[in-house]
Amino acid sequence: MPVKQKLGLIAGNGRFPFLVLEAAQAQGFEVVVAAIKEETFPDIENRGAASVHWLSLGELSKLIATFHREGVSRAVMAGQVKHKQIFSSIRPDRRLAKLLLNLRTRNTDALLGAIAKVLGDEGIILENSTALLEPLRARPGVLTKRKPSEPEKHNIEYGRLVARHLAQYDIGQTVVVADGACVAVEAMEGTDATIERAGRIMASLEAEASTLSRALTVVKIAKPNQDMRFDVPVVGIHTIEVMDAARATCLAVDAGKCLLLDGEAVIGAADAAQIAVVAG
């Protein structure tokens, strides 16, 4: 019987790590999970991984030692690590502290890119996790029953323009627009919190008889040179639920670069909420 190839999985929060684990197992990999104590859902223990090792966010040396001990030379990152966690809860070990001190900018690309280099120097190659989840990439076109209205199309065009300028500085991937006005942009808080904030802003404006339409358009893009090894744009059912609560009526994502984590269930939830979803 042939020996299975080992694959390391550095798991953050959400369902993304579970989907990567299942896909890797289906493709014959023996998966060694490095679960982040501050982020990963505990149920990762029950999904048939070869082994699960719990590490705190700052334990870079322990991560490397764990993968070496397990014979892991290829790994993927999957699941969000909240940006504010990195700069608040984290207690970096000596190796990570040195890496942080040498960073000129402390954004996601810089930090994760530096970690990927350290792993590579240690013989652990960080690979593209989305290669395991090809069917979940958003296909081009309108994905829902309802097409974007003309005002929503205008919001998408403007939102993408704003988002692409922000993304080149790795500030965030999401912009929320109403009537051609930028209501909220994503920073450290994440996509869902940005949408919730936009909903609160519009509710307060509505109470003051705002001239803006209450309907919001959410634009989520990949970075101009998106590294598909980490920080990949993802949308799940929860994002659709947050949009519905905020009275957002349209979602635009980048075709081929955004993952719909719950597959057709995301589109079904959007259809039920009368939210138009388009990938371009």
C-alpha atoms as a PDB file:
ATOM      1  CA  MET A   1       0.000   0.000   0.000  1.00  0.00           C
ATOM      2  CA  PRO A   2       1.537   3.367  -1.015  1.00  0.00           C
ATOM      3  CA  VAL A   3       2.474   5.808   1.752  1.00  0.00           C
ATOM      4  CA  LYS A   4       0.216   8.869   1.808  1.00  0.00           C
ATOM      5  CA  GLN A   5       1.811  12.266   1.245  1.00  0.00           C
ATOM      6  CA  LYS A   6       1.723  14.516   4.278  1.00  0.00           C
ATOM      7  CA  LEU A   7       0.278  18.008   4.138  1.00  0.00           C
ATOM      8  CA  GLY A   8       0.422  20.543   6.952  1.00  0.00           C
ATOM      9  CA  LEU A   9      -2.664  22.678   7.556  1.00  0.00           C
ATOM     10  CA  ILE A  10      -2.246  25.914   9.517  1.00  0.00           C
ATOM     11  CA  ALA A  11      -5.868  26.473  10.556  1.00  0.00           C
ATOM     12  CA  GLY A  12      -7.441  29.808  11.432  1.00  0.00           C
ATOM     13  CA  ASN A  13     -11.098  30.417  12.209  1.00  0.00           C
ATOM     14  CA  GLY A  14     -14.268  29.738  10.240  1.00  0.00           C
ATOM     15  CA  ARG A  15     -15.188  26.851   7.955  1.00  0.00           C
ATOM     16  CA  PHE A  16     -12.369  27.363   5.452  1.00  0.00           C
ATOM     17  CA  PRO A  17      -9.903  25.051   7.288  1.00  0.00           C
ATOM     18  CA  PHE A  18     -12.541  22.300   7.474  1.00  0.00           C
ATOM     19  CA  LEU A  19     -13.161  22.476   3.733  1.00  0.00           C
ATOM     20  CA  VAL A  20      -9.427  22.360   2.986  1.00  0.00           C
ATOM     21  CA  LEU A  21      -9.010  19.408   5.358  1.00  0.00           C
ATOM     22  CA  GLU A  22     -11.843  17.474   3.685  1.00  0.00           C
ATOM     23  CA  ALA A  23     -10.571  18.256   0.186  1.00  0.00           C
ATOM     24  CA  ALA A  24      -7.002  17.251   1.061  1.00  0.00           C
ATOM     25  CA  GLN A  25      -8.193  13.994   2.597  1.00  0.00           C
ATOM     26  CA  ALA A  26     -10.306  13.268  -0.486  1.00  0.00           C
ATOM     27  CA  GLN A  27      -7.198  13.754  -2.615  1.00  0.00           C
ATOM     28  CA  GLY A  28      -5.252  11.238  -0.559  1.00  0.00           C
ATOM     29  CA  PHE A  29      -3.233  13.475   1.748  1.00  0.00           C
ATOM     30  CA  GLU A  30      -2.455  12.649   5.354  1.00  0.00           C
ATOM     31  CA  VAL A  31      -3.176  15.987   7.010  1.00  0.00           C
ATOM     32  CA  VAL A  32      -1.291  17.310  10.028  1.00  0.00           C
ATOM     33  CA  VAL A  33      -3.204  20.237  11.539  1.00  0.00           C
ATOM     34  CA  ALA A  34      -1.551  23.128  13.353  1.00  0.00           C
ATOM     35  CA  ALA A  35      -4.597  24.680  15.041  1.00  0.00           C
ATOM     36  CA  ILE A  36      -4.381  28.232  16.387  1.00  0.00           C
ATOM     37  CA  LYS A  37      -5.700  28.270  19.962  1.00  0.00           C
ATOM     38  CA  GLU A  38      -7.086  31.790  19.656  1.00  0.00           C
ATOM     39  CA  GLU A  39      -8.912  31.122  16.379  1.00  0.00           C
ATOM     40  CA  THR A  40      -9.582  27.531  15.291  1.00  0.00           C
ATOM     41  CA  PHE A  41     -12.946  25.899  16.015  1.00  0.00           C
ATOM     42  CA  PRO A  42     -12.493  22.985  18.501  1.00  0.00           C
ATOM     43  CA  ASP A  43     -14.378  20.589  16.223  1.00  0.00           C
ATOM     44  CA  ILE A  44     -11.258  20.352  14.028  1.00  0.00           C
ATOM     45  CA  GLU A  45     -10.279  17.574  16.458  1.00  0.00           C
ATOM     46  CA  ASN A  46     -13.107  15.384  15.146  1.00  0.00           C
ATOM     47  CA  ARG A  47     -12.509  15.564  11.393  1.00  0.00           C
ATOM     48  CA  GLY A  48     -10.124  12.652  10.871  1.00  0.00           C
ATOM     49  CA  ALA A  49      -6.822  14.523  10.614  1.00  0.00           C
ATOM     50  CA  ALA A  50      -3.696  12.430  11.129  1.00  0.00           C
ATOM     51  CA  SER A  51      -2.904  14.660  14.115  1.00  0.00           C
ATOM     52  CA  VAL A  52      -3.955  18.005  15.555  1.00  0.00           C
ATOM     53  CA  HIS A  53      -1.495  20.236  17.399  1.00  0.00           C
ATOM     54  CA  TRP A  54      -2.716  23.331  19.266  1.00  0.00           C
ATOM     55  CA  LEU A  55      -0.413  26.364  19.131  1.00  0.00           C
ATOM     56  CA  SER A  56      -0.794  29.974  20.191  1.00  0.00           C
ATOM     57  CA  LEU A  57      -0.510  32.697  17.570  1.00  0.00           C
ATOM     58  CA  GLY A  58       3.024  33.726  18.487  1.00  0.00           C
ATOM     59  CA  GLU A  59       4.596  30.266  18.560  1.00  0.00           C
ATOM     60  CA  LEU A  60       6.404  30.249  15.224  1.00  0.00           C
ATOM     61  CA  SER A  61       9.301  28.098  16.436  1.00  0.00           C
ATOM     62  CA  LYS A  62       6.866  25.536  17.861  1.00  0.00           C
ATOM     63  CA  LEU A  63       5.026  25.430  14.527  1.00  0.00           C
ATOM     64  CA  ILE A  64       8.263  24.708  12.657  1.00  0.00           C
ATOM     65  CA  ALA A  65       9.345  22.092  15.216  1.00  0.00           C
ATOM     66  CA  THR A  66       5.930  20.399  15.013  1.00  0.00           C
ATOM     67  CA  PHE A  67       6.017  20.132  11.231  1.00  0.00           C
ATOM     68  CA  HIS A  68       9.613  18.876  11.270  1.00  0.00           C
ATOM     69  CA  ARG A  69       8.714  16.220  13.844  1.00  0.00           C
ATOM     70  CA  GLU A  70       5.710  15.141  11.764  1.00  0.00           C
ATOM     71  CA  GLY A  71       7.725  15.024   8.533  1.00  0.00           C
ATOM     72  CA  VAL A  72       5.753  17.847   6.888  1.00  0.00           C
ATOM     73  CA  SER A  73       7.483  19.610   3.989  1.00  0.00           C
ATOM     74  CA  ARG A  74       4.366  21.098   2.314  1.00  0.00           C
ATOM     75  CA  ALA A  75       1.725  23.182   4.079  1.00  0.00           C
ATOM     76  CA  VAL A  76      -1.251  25.436   3.460  1.00  0.00           C
ATOM     77  CA  MET A  77      -2.859  28.251   5.435  1.00  0.00           C
ATOM     78  CA  ALA A  78      -6.641  28.348   5.646  1.00  0.00           C
ATOM     79  CA  GLY A  79      -8.998  30.422   7.758  1.00  0.00           C
ATOM     80  CA  GLN A  80      -8.890  33.956   9.018  1.00  0.00           C
ATOM     81  CA  VAL A  81      -6.667  35.230  11.761  1.00  0.00           C
ATOM     82  CA  LYS A  82      -8.185  38.499  12.937  1.00  0.00           C
ATOM     83  CA  HIS A  83      -5.753  41.348  12.334  1.00  0.00           C
ATOM     84  CA  LYS A  84      -6.422  42.853  15.759  1.00  0.00           C
ATOM     85  CA  GLN A  85      -5.460  39.517  17.367  1.00  0.00           C
ATOM     86  CA  ILE A  86      -2.019  39.758  15.805  1.00  0.00           C
ATOM     87  CA  PHE A  87      -1.394  43.112  17.465  1.00  0.00           C
ATOM     88  CA  SER A  88      -3.131  42.503  20.811  1.00  0.00           C
ATOM     89  CA  SER A  89      -3.463  38.888  22.009  1.00  0.00           C
ATOM     90  CA  ILE A  90      -0.248  37.646  20.441  1.00  0.00           C
ATOM     91  CA  ARG A  91       2.783  36.820  22.611  1.00  0.00           C
ATOM     92  CA  PRO A  92       5.514  36.331  20.044  1.00  0.00           C
ATOM     93  CA  ASP A  93       8.307  33.881  20.665  1.00  0.00           C
ATOM     94  CA  ARG A  94      11.861  35.043  20.033  1.00  0.00           C
ATOM     95  CA  ARG A  95      11.779  34.037  16.379  1.00  0.00           C
ATOM     96  CA  LEU A  96       8.516  35.818  15.605  1.00  0.00           C
ATOM     97  CA  ALA A  97       9.504  38.864  17.667  1.00  0.00           C
ATOM     98  CA  LYS A  98      12.647  39.250  15.545  1.00  0.00           C
ATOM     99  CA  LEU A  99      10.561  38.888  12.375  1.00  0.00           C
ATOM    100  CA  LEU A 100       8.085  41.561  13.563  1.00  0.00           C
ATOM    101  CA  LEU A 101      10.879  43.984  14.425  1.00  0.00           C
ATOM    102  CA  ASN A 102      12.290  43.691  10.909  1.00  0.00           C
ATOM    103  CA  LEU A 103       8.989  44.452   9.153  1.00  0.00           C
ATOM    104  CA  ARG A 104       8.785  47.894   7.588  1.00  0.00           C
ATOM    105  CA  THR A 105       4.978  47.699   7.408  1.00  0.00           C
ATOM    106  CA  ARG A 106       2.806  45.505   9.614  1.00  0.00           C
ATOM    107  CA  ASN A 107       0.057  44.566   7.206  1.00  0.00           C
ATOM    108  CA  THR A 108      -1.158  41.083   6.296  1.00  0.00           C
ATOM    109  CA  ASP A 109       0.951  40.654   3.177  1.00  0.00           C
ATOM    110  CA  ALA A 110       4.145  41.726   4.908  1.00  0.00           C
ATOM    111  CA  LEU A 111       3.615  39.565   7.984  1.00  0.00           C
ATOM    112  CA  LEU A 112       2.387  36.394   6.285  1.00  0.00           C
ATOM    113  CA  GLY A 113       4.882  36.785   3.454  1.00  0.00           C
ATOM    114  CA  ALA A 114       7.696  36.940   6.014  1.00  0.00           C
ATOM    115  CA  ILE A 115       6.338  33.865   7.812  1.00  0.00           C
ATOM    116  CA  ALA A 116       6.123  32.017   4.481  1.00  0.00           C
ATOM    117  CA  LYS A 117       9.784  32.861   3.836  1.00  0.00           C
ATOM    118  CA  VAL A 118      10.835  31.584   7.259  1.00  0.00           C
ATOM    119  CA  LEU A 119       8.910  28.353   6.678  1.00  0.00           C
ATOM    120  CA  GLY A 120      10.504  27.994   3.247  1.00  0.00           C
ATOM    121  CA  ASP A 121      13.974  28.493   4.722  1.00  0.00           C
ATOM    122  CA  GLU A 122      13.148  25.619   7.087  1.00  0.00           C
ATOM    123  CA  GLY A 123      12.157  23.325   4.224  1.00  0.00           C
ATOM    124  CA  ILE A 124       8.396  23.797   4.628  1.00  0.00           C
ATOM    125  CA  ILE A 125       6.885  25.101   1.397  1.00  0.00           C
ATOM    126  CA  LEU A 126       3.670  27.097   1.808  1.00  0.00           C
ATOM    127  CA  GLU A 127       1.300  26.298  -1.052  1.00  0.00           C
ATOM    128  CA  ASN A 128      -1.920  27.655  -2.507  1.00  0.00           C
ATOM    129  CA  SER A 129      -4.804  26.289  -0.429  1.00  0.00           C
ATOM    130  CA  THR A 130      -7.399  27.251  -3.036  1.00  0.00           C
ATOM    131  CA  ALA A 131      -5.946  24.703  -5.472  1.00  0.00           C
ATOM    132  CA  LEU A 132      -7.737  22.096  -3.356  1.00  0.00           C
ATOM    133  CA  LEU A 133     -11.053  23.960  -3.626  1.00  0.00           C
ATOM    134  CA  GLU A 134     -11.319  24.830  -7.310  1.00  0.00           C
ATOM    135  CA  PRO A 135     -15.121  24.243  -7.506  1.00  0.00           C
ATOM    136  CA  LEU A 136     -15.698  26.902  -4.838  1.00  0.00           C
ATOM    137  CA  ARG A 137     -14.108  29.749  -6.800  1.00  0.00           C
ATOM    138  CA  ALA A 138     -16.695  32.298  -7.912  1.00  0.00           C
ATOM    139  CA  ARG A 139     -17.402  31.907 -11.616  1.00  0.00           C
ATOM    140  CA  PRO A 140     -17.817  35.051 -13.767  1.00  0.00           C
ATOM    141  CA  GLY A 141     -21.255  36.608 -14.182  1.00  0.00           C
ATOM    142  CA  VAL A 142     -24.445  37.047 -12.195  1.00  0.00           C
ATOM    143  CA  LEU A 143     -24.682  34.145  -9.740  1.00  0.00           C
ATOM    144  CA  THR A 144     -28.161  34.773  -8.340  1.00  0.00           C
ATOM    145  CA  LYS A 145     -31.673  34.877  -9.766  1.00  0.00           C
ATOM    146  CA  ARG A 146     -31.829  38.644  -9.345  1.00  0.00           C
ATOM    147  CA  LYS A 147     -29.476  40.780 -11.430  1.00  0.00           C
ATOM    148  CA  PRO A 148     -27.980  44.006 -10.046  1.00  0.00           C
ATOM    149  CA  SER A 149     -30.114  47.073 -10.746  1.00  0.00           C
ATOM    150  CA  GLU A 150     -28.644  50.056 -12.580  1.00  0.00           C
ATOM    151  CA  PRO A 151     -27.935  51.937  -9.308  1.00  0.00           C
ATOM    152  CA  GLU A 152     -26.290  48.796  -7.930  1.00  0.00           C
ATOM    153  CA  LYS A 153     -24.154  48.478 -11.059  1.00  0.00           C
ATOM    154  CA  HIS A 154     -23.012  52.064 -10.543  1.00  0.00           C
ATOM    155  CA  ASN A 155     -22.204  51.265  -6.896  1.00  0.00           C
ATOM    156  CA  ILE A 156     -20.192  48.214  -7.978  1.00  0.00           C
ATOM    157  CA  GLU A 157     -18.172  50.236 -10.482  1.00  0.00           C
ATOM    158  CA  TYR A 158     -17.392  52.927  -7.921  1.00  0.00           C
ATOM    159  CA  GLY A 159     -16.811  50.434  -5.114  1.00  0.00           C
ATOM    160  CA  ARG A 160     -14.302  48.456  -7.163  1.00  0.00           C
ATOM    161  CA  LEU A 161     -12.413  51.649  -7.987  1.00  0.00           C
ATOM    162  CA  VAL A 162     -12.158  52.573  -4.297  1.00  0.00           C
ATOM    163  CA  ALA A 163     -11.413  49.000  -3.168  1.00  0.00           C
ATOM    164  CA  ARG A 164      -8.580  48.536  -5.653  1.00  0.00           C
ATOM    165  CA  HIS A 165      -6.885  51.694  -4.415  1.00  0.00           C
ATOM    166  CA  LEU A 166      -7.192  50.505  -0.798  1.00  0.00           C
ATOM    167  CA  ALA A 167      -6.132  46.952  -1.608  1.00  0.00           C
ATOM    168  CA  GLN A 168      -2.821  47.997  -3.115  1.00  0.00           C
ATOM    169  CA  TYR A 169      -1.850  49.196   0.364  1.00  0.00           C
ATOM    170  CA  ASP A 170      -3.227  46.009   1.989  1.00  0.00           C
ATOM    171  CA  ILE A 171      -5.660  47.997   4.143  1.00  0.00           C
ATOM    172  CA  GLY A 172      -8.726  45.872   3.480  1.00  0.00           C
ATOM    173  CA  GLN A 173     -10.664  44.068   0.761  1.00  0.00           C
ATOM    174  CA  THR A 174     -14.225  45.324   1.302  1.00  0.00           C
ATOM    175  CA  VAL A 175     -15.996  48.587   0.528  1.00  0.00           C
ATOM    176  CA  VAL A 176     -19.679  49.343   1.206  1.00  0.00           C
ATOM    177  CA  VAL A 177     -21.411  51.880  -1.043  1.00  0.00           C
ATOM    178  CA  ALA A 178     -24.826  53.586  -1.152  1.00  0.00           C
ATOM    179  CA  ASP A 179     -25.917  55.800  -4.052  1.00  0.00           C
ATOM    180  CA  GLY A 180     -22.324  56.245  -5.211  1.00  0.00           C
ATOM    181  CA  ALA A 181     -21.200  57.306  -1.723  1.00  0.00           C
ATOM    182  CA  CYS A 182     -18.596  55.308   0.201  1.00  0.00           C
ATOM    183  CA  VAL A 183     -20.214  54.382   3.527  1.00  0.00           C
ATOM    184  CA  ALA A 184     -17.571  52.090   5.041  1.00  0.00           C
ATOM    185  CA  VAL A 185     -14.172  50.588   4.186  1.00  0.00           C
ATOM    186  CA  GLU A 186     -12.599  47.548   5.790  1.00  0.00           C
ATOM    187  CA  ALA A 187      -9.539  47.806   7.998  1.00  0.00           C
ATOM    188  CA  MET A 188      -8.603  45.468  10.874  1.00  0.00           C
ATOM    189  CA  GLU A 189     -12.186  44.564  11.821  1.00  0.00           C
ATOM    190  CA  GLY A 190     -12.931  42.226   8.888  1.00  0.00           C
ATOM    191  CA  THR A 191     -15.651  42.085   6.235  1.00  0.00           C
ATOM    192  CA  ASP A 192     -18.679  41.222   8.362  1.00  0.00           C
ATOM    193  CA  ALA A 193     -17.933  43.909  10.962  1.00  0.00           C
ATOM    194  CA  THR A 194     -17.495  46.456   8.131  1.00  0.00           C
ATOM    195  CA  ILE A 195     -20.936  45.592   6.735  1.00  0.00           C
ATOM    196  CA  GLU A 196     -22.489  45.817  10.202  1.00  0.00           C
ATOM    197  CA  ARG A 197     -20.896  49.242  10.703  1.00  0.00           C
ATOM    198  CA  ALA A 198     -22.234  50.412   7.339  1.00  0.00           C
ATOM    199  CA  GLY A 199     -25.709  49.265   8.379  1.00  0.00           C
ATOM    200  CA  ARG A 200     -25.492  51.265  11.610  1.00  0.00           C
ATOM    201  CA  ILE A 201     -24.298  54.367   9.755  1.00  0.00           C
ATOM    202  CA  MET A 202     -27.176  54.144   7.278  1.00  0.00           C
ATOM    203  CA  ALA A 203     -29.701  53.583  10.061  1.00  0.00           C
ATOM    204  CA  SER A 204     -28.523  56.747  11.810  1.00  0.00           C
ATOM    205  CA  LEU A 205     -28.624  58.709   8.545  1.00  0.00           C
ATOM    206  CA  GLU A 206     -32.123  57.412   7.844  1.00  0.00           C
ATOM    207  CA  ALA A 207     -33.253  58.706  11.224  1.00  0.00           C
ATOM    208  CA  GLU A 208     -32.079  62.140  10.068  1.00  0.00           C
ATOM    209  CA  ALA A 209     -33.942  61.941   6.721  1.00  0.00           C
ATOM    210  CA  SER A 210     -30.887  61.103   4.608  1.00  0.00           C
ATOM    211  CA  THR A 211     -31.038  61.670   0.861  1.00  0.00           C
ATOM    212  CA  LEU A 212     -29.057  58.446   0.288  1.00  0.00           C
ATOM    213  CA  SER A 213     -30.798  55.206  -0.653  1.00  0.00           C
ATOM    214  CA  ARG A 214     -30.956  52.830   2.329  1.00  0.00           C
ATOM    215  CA  ALA A 215     -29.881  49.902   0.094  1.00  0.00           C
ATOM    216  CA  LEU A 216     -26.192  49.052   0.392  1.00  0.00           C
ATOM    217  CA  THR A 217     -23.845  47.438  -2.126  1.00  0.00           C
ATOM    218  CA  VAL A 218     -20.916  45.407  -0.789  1.00  0.00           C
ATOM    219  CA  VAL A 219     -17.808  45.089  -2.963  1.00  0.00           C
ATOM    220  CA  LYS A 220     -15.172  42.528  -1.939  1.00  0.00           C
ATOM    221  CA  ILE A 221     -12.060  42.198  -4.091  1.00  0.00           C
ATOM    222  CA  ALA A 222      -8.724  40.448  -4.236  1.00  0.00           C
ATOM    223  CA  LYS A 223      -5.558  42.493  -3.916  1.00  0.00           C
ATOM    224  CA  PRO A 224      -3.899  43.597  -7.179  1.00  0.00           C
ATOM    225  CA  ASN A 225      -1.193  40.952  -6.759  1.00  0.00           C
ATOM    226  CA  GLN A 226      -3.187  38.584  -4.565  1.00  0.00           C
ATOM    227  CA  ASP A 227      -1.014  35.854  -3.091  1.00  0.00           C
ATOM    228  CA  MET A 228      -3.359  32.873  -3.174  1.00  0.00           C
ATOM    229  CA  ARG A 229      -1.381  31.182  -0.395  1.00  0.00           C
ATOM    230  CA  PHE A 230      -2.965  33.353   2.284  1.00  0.00           C
ATOM    231  CA  ASP A 231      -5.615  35.988   3.078  1.00  0.00           C
ATOM    232  CA  VAL A 232      -7.786  34.790   0.168  1.00  0.00           C
ATOM    233  CA  PRO A 233     -11.156  36.610  -0.125  1.00  0.00           C
ATOM    234  CA  VAL A 234     -13.951  34.343   1.106  1.00  0.00           C
ATOM    235  CA  VAL A 235     -17.725  34.653   1.421  1.00  0.00           C
ATOM    236  CA  GLY A 236     -19.931  32.316   3.427  1.00  0.00           C
ATOM    237  CA  ILE A 237     -23.581  32.135   4.444  1.00  0.00           C
ATOM    238  CA  HIS A 238     -22.884  34.248   7.531  1.00  0.00           C
ATOM    239  CA  THR A 239     -21.785  37.165   5.340  1.00  0.00           C
ATOM    240  CA  ILE A 240     -25.078  36.964   3.452  1.00  0.00           C
ATOM    241  CA  GLU A 241     -26.952  36.967   6.787  1.00  0.00           C
ATOM    242  CA  VAL A 242     -24.991  40.016   7.947  1.00  0.00           C
ATOM    243  CA  MET A 243     -25.757  41.773   4.657  1.00  0.00           C
ATOM    244  CA  ASP A 244     -29.468  41.037   5.014  1.00  0.00           C
ATOM    245  CA  ALA A 245     -29.502  42.421   8.560  1.00  0.00           C
ATOM    246  CA  ALA A 246     -27.696  45.574   7.366  1.00  0.00           C
ATOM    247  CA  ARG A 247     -30.149  45.908   4.449  1.00  0.00           C
ATOM    248  CA  ALA A 248     -27.450  45.407   1.837  1.00  0.00           C
ATOM    249  CA  THR A 249     -28.968  44.314  -1.471  1.00  0.00           C
ATOM    250  CA  CYS A 250     -25.985  43.528  -3.691  1.00  0.00           C
ATOM    251  CA  LEU A 251     -22.618  41.771  -3.390  1.00  0.00           C
ATOM    252  CA  ALA A 252     -19.822  41.989  -5.969  1.00  0.00           C
ATOM    253  CA  VAL A 253     -16.733  39.750  -5.791  1.00  0.00           C
ATOM    254  CA  ASP A 254     -13.740  38.984  -7.993  1.00  0.00           C
ATOM    255  CA  ALA A 255     -14.308  36.028 -10.305  1.00  0.00           C
ATOM    256  CA  GLY A 256     -11.821  33.216  -9.858  1.00  0.00           C
ATOM    257  CA  LYS A 257     -10.203  34.789  -6.791  1.00  0.00           C
ATOM    258  CA  CYS A 258     -13.017  34.764  -4.232  1.00  0.00           C
ATOM    259  CA  LEU A 259     -14.153  31.513  -2.623  1.00  0.00           C
ATOM    260  CA  LEU A 260     -17.825  30.862  -1.900  1.00  0.00           C
ATOM    261  CA  LEU A 261     -17.212  28.703   1.153  1.00  0.00           C
ATOM    262  CA  ASP A 262     -20.661  27.154   1.310  1.00  0.00           C
ATOM    263  CA  GLY A 263     -20.905  26.709  -2.449  1.00  0.00           C
ATOM    264  CA  GLU A 264     -24.422  26.827  -3.820  1.00  0.00           C
ATOM    265  CA  ALA A 265     -25.800  27.331  -0.300  1.00  0.00           C
ATOM    266  CA  VAL A 266     -24.390  30.889  -0.386  1.00  0.00           C
ATOM    267  CA  ILE A 267     -26.294  31.596  -3.582  1.00  0.00           C
ATOM    268  CA  GLY A 268     -29.434  29.989  -2.160  1.00  0.00           C
ATOM    269  CA  ALA A 269     -29.231  32.223   0.919  1.00  0.00           C
ATOM    270  CA  ALA A 270     -28.712  35.283  -1.288  1.00  0.00           C
ATOM    271  CA  ASP A 271     -31.713  34.344  -3.456  1.00  0.00           C
ATOM    272  CA  ALA A 272     -33.866  33.932  -0.332  1.00  0.00           C
ATOM    273  CA  ALA A 273     -32.827  37.388   0.847  1.00  0.00           C
ATOM    274  CA  GLN A 274     -33.243  38.951  -2.623  1.00  0.00           C
ATOM    275  CA  ILE A 275     -29.554  39.882  -2.648  1.00  0.00           C
ATOM    276  CA  ALA A 276     -27.911  40.057  -6.059  1.00  0.00           C
ATOM    277  CA  VAL A 277     -24.455  38.443  -6.266  1.00  0.00           C
ATOM    278  CA  VAL A 278     -22.152  39.115  -9.215  1.00  0.00           C
ATOM    279  CA  ALA A 279     -18.553  38.091  -9.943  1.00  0.00           C
ATOM    280  CA  GLY A 280     -16.464  40.054 -12.383  1.00  0.00           C
END
